[in-house]
Protein backbone atom coordinates (compact mmCIF):
# COMPACT_ATOMS: atom_id res chain seq x y z
CA MET A 1 -72.54 34.63 138.60
CA ASP A 2 -68.68 34.47 138.34
CA ARG A 3 -67.31 37.89 138.81
CA ARG A 4 -63.58 37.35 138.08
CA ASP A 5 -61.35 40.05 137.02
CA PRO A 6 -60.73 39.46 133.24
CA LEU A 7 -57.37 40.81 133.29
CA THR A 8 -56.11 38.62 136.41
CA SER A 9 -58.12 35.66 136.24
CA PRO A 10 -56.87 32.86 134.03
CA THR A 11 -59.12 32.05 131.14
CA ARG A 12 -59.57 28.90 129.44
CA PRO A 13 -59.39 29.21 125.62
CA THR A 14 -62.57 27.91 124.14
CA ALA A 15 -62.32 25.97 120.70
CA PRO A 16 -63.77 27.62 117.93
CA ARG A 17 -66.75 25.71 116.60
CA GLY A 18 -67.12 24.68 112.87
CA ARG A 19 -64.45 24.53 110.46
CA PRO A 20 -61.27 23.82 112.80
CA ARG A 21 -62.88 20.76 114.07
CA ALA A 22 -64.14 19.45 110.73
CA ARG A 23 -60.40 19.87 109.60
CA ARG A 24 -59.26 17.62 112.38
CA PHE A 25 -61.76 15.04 111.64
CA TYR A 26 -60.93 15.07 107.93
CA GLY A 27 -56.96 15.15 108.62
CA GLY A 28 -57.43 12.01 110.88
CA LEU A 29 -59.22 10.30 108.15
CA LEU A 30 -56.49 11.15 105.87
CA LEU A 31 -53.64 10.02 108.17
CA CYS A 32 -55.59 6.68 108.68
CA ALA A 33 -55.89 6.24 104.88
CA ALA A 34 -52.15 6.93 104.38
CA VAL A 35 -51.32 4.50 107.29
CA SER A 36 -53.29 1.81 105.51
CA VAL A 37 -51.88 2.18 102.24
CA ILE A 38 -48.31 2.10 103.58
CA LEU A 39 -49.17 -1.14 105.48
CA ALA A 40 -50.68 -2.66 102.68
CA GLY A 41 -47.60 -1.90 100.58
CA CYS A 42 -45.42 -3.37 103.08
CA GLY A 43 -47.04 -6.74 103.21
CA THR A 44 -45.85 -9.85 101.47
CA SER A 45 -47.98 -11.67 99.10
CA SER A 46 -48.48 -15.37 99.37
CA PRO A 47 -48.68 -17.64 96.45
CA ASP A 48 -52.27 -18.72 97.79
CA ALA A 49 -53.54 -15.14 97.73
CA SER A 50 -53.77 -15.11 93.89
CA PRO A 51 -57.21 -14.33 92.58
CA THR A 52 -59.22 -17.39 91.21
CA THR A 53 -61.29 -17.78 88.23
CA SER A 54 -63.65 -20.60 87.30
CA ARG A 55 -62.61 -23.24 84.67
CA PRO A 56 -64.77 -23.46 81.71
CA GLY A 57 -67.32 -26.29 82.03
CA GLY A 58 -66.32 -27.00 85.68
CA ASP A 59 -67.34 -25.81 89.16
CA GLU A 60 -63.80 -25.84 90.55
CA PRO A 61 -61.69 -22.60 91.01
CA ALA A 62 -58.59 -22.53 89.15
CA SER A 63 -55.51 -20.29 89.83
CA GLY A 64 -55.18 -17.20 87.53
CA THR A 65 -51.88 -19.00 86.34
CA PRO A 66 -51.65 -22.11 84.24
CA ASP A 67 -50.80 -25.23 86.04
CA PRO A 68 -47.22 -26.15 86.05
CA SER A 69 -46.55 -29.29 83.97
CA PRO A 70 -46.67 -32.55 86.20
CA THR A 71 -43.29 -33.38 87.69
CA THR A 72 -41.96 -36.90 87.29
CA GLU A 73 -39.83 -38.52 89.84
CA ARG A 74 -36.57 -39.86 88.87
CA PRO A 75 -36.13 -43.43 89.61
CA SER A 76 -33.60 -44.46 92.24
CA PRO A 77 -30.51 -46.15 91.27
CA ALA A 78 -31.68 -49.39 92.55
CA ASP A 79 -34.77 -49.25 90.31
CA VAL A 80 -32.74 -48.64 87.17
CA PRO A 81 -31.57 -51.87 85.47
CA PRO A 82 -28.05 -51.68 84.56
CA ALA A 83 -27.16 -50.95 81.15
CA PRO A 84 -26.00 -54.00 79.05
CA THR A 85 -22.33 -53.97 78.39
CA VAL A 86 -22.21 -56.31 75.46
CA PRO A 87 -22.86 -54.82 72.10
CA GLU A 88 -25.71 -55.75 69.78
CA ALA A 89 -25.00 -58.96 67.97
CA ALA A 90 -25.28 -58.76 64.06
CA ASP A 91 -27.70 -62.00 64.05
CA GLY A 92 -29.25 -60.99 67.52
CA THR A 93 -30.41 -63.98 69.46
CA ASP A 94 -31.17 -66.26 66.44
CA LEU A 95 -28.97 -68.96 67.43
CA ALA A 96 -30.02 -71.04 64.28
CA ALA A 97 -28.00 -68.59 62.20
CA CYS A 98 -24.98 -70.35 63.31
CA GLU A 99 -26.02 -73.94 61.68
CA ASP A 100 -24.02 -72.93 58.51
CA GLY A 101 -20.84 -71.84 60.56
CA ARG A 102 -21.14 -68.24 60.05
CA CYS A 103 -22.82 -66.15 62.55
CA GLU A 104 -22.63 -63.51 65.51
CA VAL A 105 -25.07 -64.11 68.16
CA ARG A 106 -25.91 -63.07 71.59
CA VAL A 107 -26.06 -66.03 73.95
CA THR A 108 -27.24 -66.43 77.49
CA ALA A 109 -26.22 -69.18 80.06
CA GLY A 110 -27.79 -72.62 79.51
CA GLU A 111 -28.27 -71.99 75.58
CA SER A 112 -26.75 -74.33 73.08
CA VAL A 113 -25.39 -72.82 69.69
CA PRO A 114 -25.79 -75.32 66.63
CA LEU A 115 -22.53 -75.61 64.94
CA PRO A 116 -21.98 -77.54 61.55
CA GLN A 117 -20.81 -80.77 63.30
CA ALA A 118 -21.83 -80.54 66.82
CA PRO A 119 -23.59 -78.09 69.18
CA VAL A 120 -21.93 -76.28 71.96
CA ARG A 121 -23.63 -75.07 75.15
CA LEU A 122 -22.74 -71.97 77.15
CA GLU A 123 -22.79 -73.91 80.56
CA ALA A 124 -21.94 -70.91 82.91
CA LEU A 125 -21.53 -67.15 82.75
CA SER A 126 -20.15 -64.50 85.09
CA ALA A 127 -18.81 -61.04 84.76
CA ASP A 128 -15.39 -62.63 84.88
CA GLU A 129 -15.53 -65.75 82.98
CA TYR A 130 -17.55 -68.08 80.78
CA THR A 131 -17.60 -71.97 80.35
CA PHE A 132 -18.50 -73.77 77.06
CA VAL A 133 -19.13 -77.38 76.88
CA PHE A 134 -18.59 -79.17 73.38
CA GLU A 135 -20.19 -82.36 72.89
CA PRO A 136 -18.18 -85.08 70.83
CA SER A 137 -18.60 -84.70 66.96
CA ALA A 138 -19.53 -87.69 65.13
CA ALA A 139 -17.41 -86.61 62.20
CA GLY A 140 -14.29 -86.19 64.36
CA GLY A 141 -12.15 -83.19 64.76
CA SER A 142 -10.29 -81.45 67.33
CA ILE A 143 -10.95 -78.50 69.87
CA ALA A 144 -8.04 -76.07 70.72
CA CYS A 145 -8.12 -73.34 73.28
CA ASN A 146 -6.27 -70.35 71.51
CA GLN A 147 -6.10 -67.49 73.98
CA ARG A 148 -7.38 -66.64 77.51
CA CYS A 149 -8.92 -69.85 78.18
CA SER A 150 -8.14 -73.28 79.54
CA MET A 151 -9.53 -76.64 78.39
CA ARG A 152 -10.51 -79.95 79.98
CA SER A 153 -10.93 -82.63 77.49
CA GLY A 154 -13.20 -85.88 77.36
CA LEU A 155 -10.59 -87.42 75.15
CA GLY A 156 -13.32 -88.32 72.48
CA GLN A 157 -15.25 -90.14 75.18
CA GLY A 158 -17.25 -87.10 76.62
CA PRO A 159 -17.87 -83.47 76.33
CA THR A 160 -14.88 -81.01 76.35
CA THR A 161 -15.11 -78.02 78.67
CA VAL A 162 -13.43 -74.77 77.84
CA THR A 163 -13.41 -72.01 80.44
CA GLY A 164 -12.04 -68.44 79.47
CA THR A 165 -12.14 -64.71 80.06
CA GLY A 166 -12.14 -63.92 76.41
CA GLY A 167 -10.22 -64.80 73.07
CA SER A 168 -11.06 -67.77 70.74
CA THR A 169 -11.46 -71.43 70.66
CA ASP A 170 -11.27 -73.66 67.42
CA ALA A 171 -13.70 -76.58 67.55
CA TYR A 172 -14.51 -79.05 64.67
CA GLY A 173 -13.52 -76.50 62.03
CA SER A 174 -15.11 -73.57 63.36
CA ARG A 175 -13.37 -70.78 65.17
CA LEU A 176 -15.56 -69.27 68.26
CA THR A 177 -14.56 -65.84 69.20
CA VAL A 178 -16.02 -64.18 72.24
CA VAL A 179 -16.52 -60.58 71.24
CA ALA A 180 -17.74 -59.43 74.78
CA HIS A 181 -19.39 -60.75 77.81
CA ASP A 182 -20.88 -59.81 81.24
CA ALA A 183 -22.81 -61.55 83.76
CA GLU A 184 -26.13 -61.68 81.72
CA ALA A 185 -24.93 -62.51 78.04
CA LEU A 186 -21.90 -63.00 75.67
CA VAL A 187 -21.58 -62.08 72.08
CA LEU A 188 -20.21 -65.14 70.11
CA HIS A 189 -18.64 -64.66 66.58
CA VAL A 190 -18.44 -68.08 64.57
CA ALA A 191 -16.58 -68.39 61.39
CA PRO A 192 -14.56 -71.15 59.69
CA VAL A 193 -10.97 -71.73 61.10
CA PRO A 194 -8.49 -69.79 58.75
């Protein structure tokens, strides 16, 4: 039996039992809950963490937000054909419209345009110039280069070649005016020589 002097011997305080211990336990729980709430509020949400719902009639889950519209890739400049630089022709590509000597047609290299006296063929075409070949006319007549063109004549024995960058040519009573051209086609206006 320990016989220490209660006045001089150090005493160890004893923890009261019951309520104070329960207070510490519940206080610790409250502290843990508060920390959990704070940490949950500080977190960042990711787009993948959205709730899912099932689609009607299907087993696959769908996100709670509607699917974004599908995106279409823009074609690269190499995939896009260049826009035509020649305007629409009144008669389109109907070369037969020129048989009466009045038309406006779109012509490409190698095509022949039937004029009242003799056909004319677009022999060559580039972005810079064009070359027409006029067959001799059985009815006779002349060919004259009016503007921005040069002519090599067959002198009635063969075809006449006209190379130009624009302007007009008179051939067998018809005036052929190049409205516009690029490397793909030209727009040719045909009318009687005034």
